[in-house]
Amino acid sequence: VYILRCADGSYYTGLTDNLEQRMGQHQAGTFPGYTHTRRPVSLIWNTAFPSRTQAYEFERRIKNWSRAKKEALMAGDWESLRAAARSRTTAP
C-alpha cells in the first residue's frame, strides 16, 4: 500500500505487488485515472502486508480518510491519527 503526493498537492492511495514498476507507470501516465493529469507524483509513504487481502482492506480503509488523518499516518503521529479519527466520529 502506498501514498503519492501529486503535482497539485493532492494524495493518491494505491496498492501494488511491485512498487518500482507501479511508480514508473504513474510517472509515465501509462493508465488513465487520477494521477494521469496530476503528474509528476512523489512517493511519500508505503508499507507492506503479509497478504494481498490485508493490503487491499487497508488501502480501501485509508482511501476514505481525511487529509489530516493520512498526514498523521505518514508522519507516524499516532496521537494525531487517533484525534482525527475521533473528530470525524463526533462531527455533527
Protein backbone atom coordinates (compact mmCIF):
# COMPACT_ATOMS: atom_id res chain seq x y z
CA VAL A 1 0.00 0.00 0.00
CA TYR A 2 1.39 3.40 -0.92
CA ILE A 3 0.51 7.08 -0.87
CA LEU A 4 1.66 9.52 -3.54
CA ARG A 5 1.73 13.31 -3.46
CA CYS A 6 0.52 14.61 -6.80
CA ALA A 7 1.72 17.79 -8.51
CA ASP A 8 -1.46 19.59 -7.39
CA GLY A 9 -0.76 18.69 -3.73
CA SER A 10 -3.45 16.03 -3.50
CA TYR A 11 -2.81 12.49 -2.30
CA TYR A 12 -3.37 9.24 -4.14
CA THR A 13 -3.54 5.90 -2.35
CA GLY A 14 -2.81 2.70 -4.19
CA LEU A 15 -1.88 -0.95 -3.94
CA THR A 16 0.70 -2.91 -5.88
CA ASP A 17 2.86 -6.00 -5.78
CA ASN A 18 5.73 -4.15 -7.49
CA LEU A 19 6.16 -0.59 -6.23
CA GLU A 20 9.07 0.33 -8.51
CA GLN A 21 7.17 -0.74 -11.63
CA ARG A 22 3.97 0.95 -10.50
CA MET A 23 5.81 4.22 -9.80
CA GLY A 24 7.15 4.15 -13.35
CA GLN A 25 3.62 3.64 -14.65
CA HIS A 26 2.33 6.59 -12.61
CA GLN A 27 5.16 8.86 -13.79
CA ALA A 28 4.70 7.85 -17.43
CA GLY A 29 0.93 8.27 -17.29
CA THR A 30 0.54 4.72 -18.60
CA PHE A 31 -3.03 4.38 -17.34
CA PRO A 32 -5.80 6.97 -17.43
CA GLY A 33 -7.02 7.84 -13.98
CA TYR A 34 -6.45 10.12 -11.03
CA THR A 35 -2.68 10.58 -11.31
CA HIS A 36 -2.58 10.80 -15.11
CA THR A 37 -3.31 14.54 -15.14
CA ARG A 38 -1.60 15.26 -11.80
CA ARG A 39 1.97 14.31 -12.67
CA PRO A 40 4.66 14.30 -11.56
CA VAL A 41 3.95 12.30 -8.44
CA SER A 42 6.16 11.60 -5.43
CA LEU A 43 6.09 8.52 -3.24
CA ILE A 44 5.66 9.76 0.32
CA TRP A 45 4.61 6.64 2.23
CA ASN A 46 4.41 2.90 1.77
CA THR A 47 4.13 -0.27 3.80
CA ALA A 48 3.97 -3.99 3.11
CA PHE A 49 1.42 -6.51 4.37
CA PRO A 50 1.68 -10.28 4.85
CA SER A 51 -1.14 -10.87 2.37
CA ARG A 52 -2.73 -9.12 -0.58
CA THR A 53 -6.11 -9.36 1.18
CA GLN A 54 -4.82 -7.41 4.21
CA ALA A 55 -3.22 -4.83 1.92
CA TYR A 56 -6.43 -4.41 -0.07
CA GLU A 57 -8.51 -3.96 3.10
CA PHE A 58 -6.10 -1.32 4.43
CA GLU A 59 -5.97 0.52 1.11
CA ARG A 60 -9.78 0.65 0.97
CA ARG A 61 -9.90 1.95 4.55
CA ILE A 62 -7.39 4.78 4.14
CA LYS A 63 -8.80 5.94 0.78
CA ASN A 64 -11.75 7.31 2.77
CA TRP A 65 -9.64 9.01 5.43
CA SER A 66 -9.37 12.78 5.76
CA ARG A 67 -6.23 14.55 4.61
CA ALA A 68 -5.28 15.19 8.26
CA LYS A 69 -5.60 11.53 9.13
CA LYS A 70 -3.48 10.47 6.13
CA GLU A 71 -0.82 13.04 7.07
CA ALA A 72 -0.76 11.73 10.65
CA LEU A 73 -0.29 8.18 9.33
CA MET A 74 2.55 9.26 7.04
CA ALA A 75 4.24 11.10 9.89
CA GLY A 76 3.82 8.17 12.29
CA ASP A 77 1.94 10.55 14.61
CA TRP A 78 -0.36 8.07 16.31
CA GLU A 79 -1.90 10.59 18.73
CA SER A 80 -2.94 12.90 15.87
CA LEU A 81 -4.23 9.89 13.97
CA ARG A 82 -6.44 8.92 16.91
CA ALA A 83 -7.59 12.53 17.34
CA ALA A 84 -8.50 12.80 13.64
CA ALA A 85 -10.48 9.57 13.91
CA ARG A 86 -12.32 10.85 16.97
CA SER A 87 -13.12 14.22 15.37
CA ARG A 88 -14.77 12.53 12.35
CA THR A 89 -16.91 10.28 14.52
CA THR A 90 -18.11 13.17 16.68
CA ALA A 91 -18.83 15.60 13.81
CA PRO A 92 -22.48 16.70 13.51
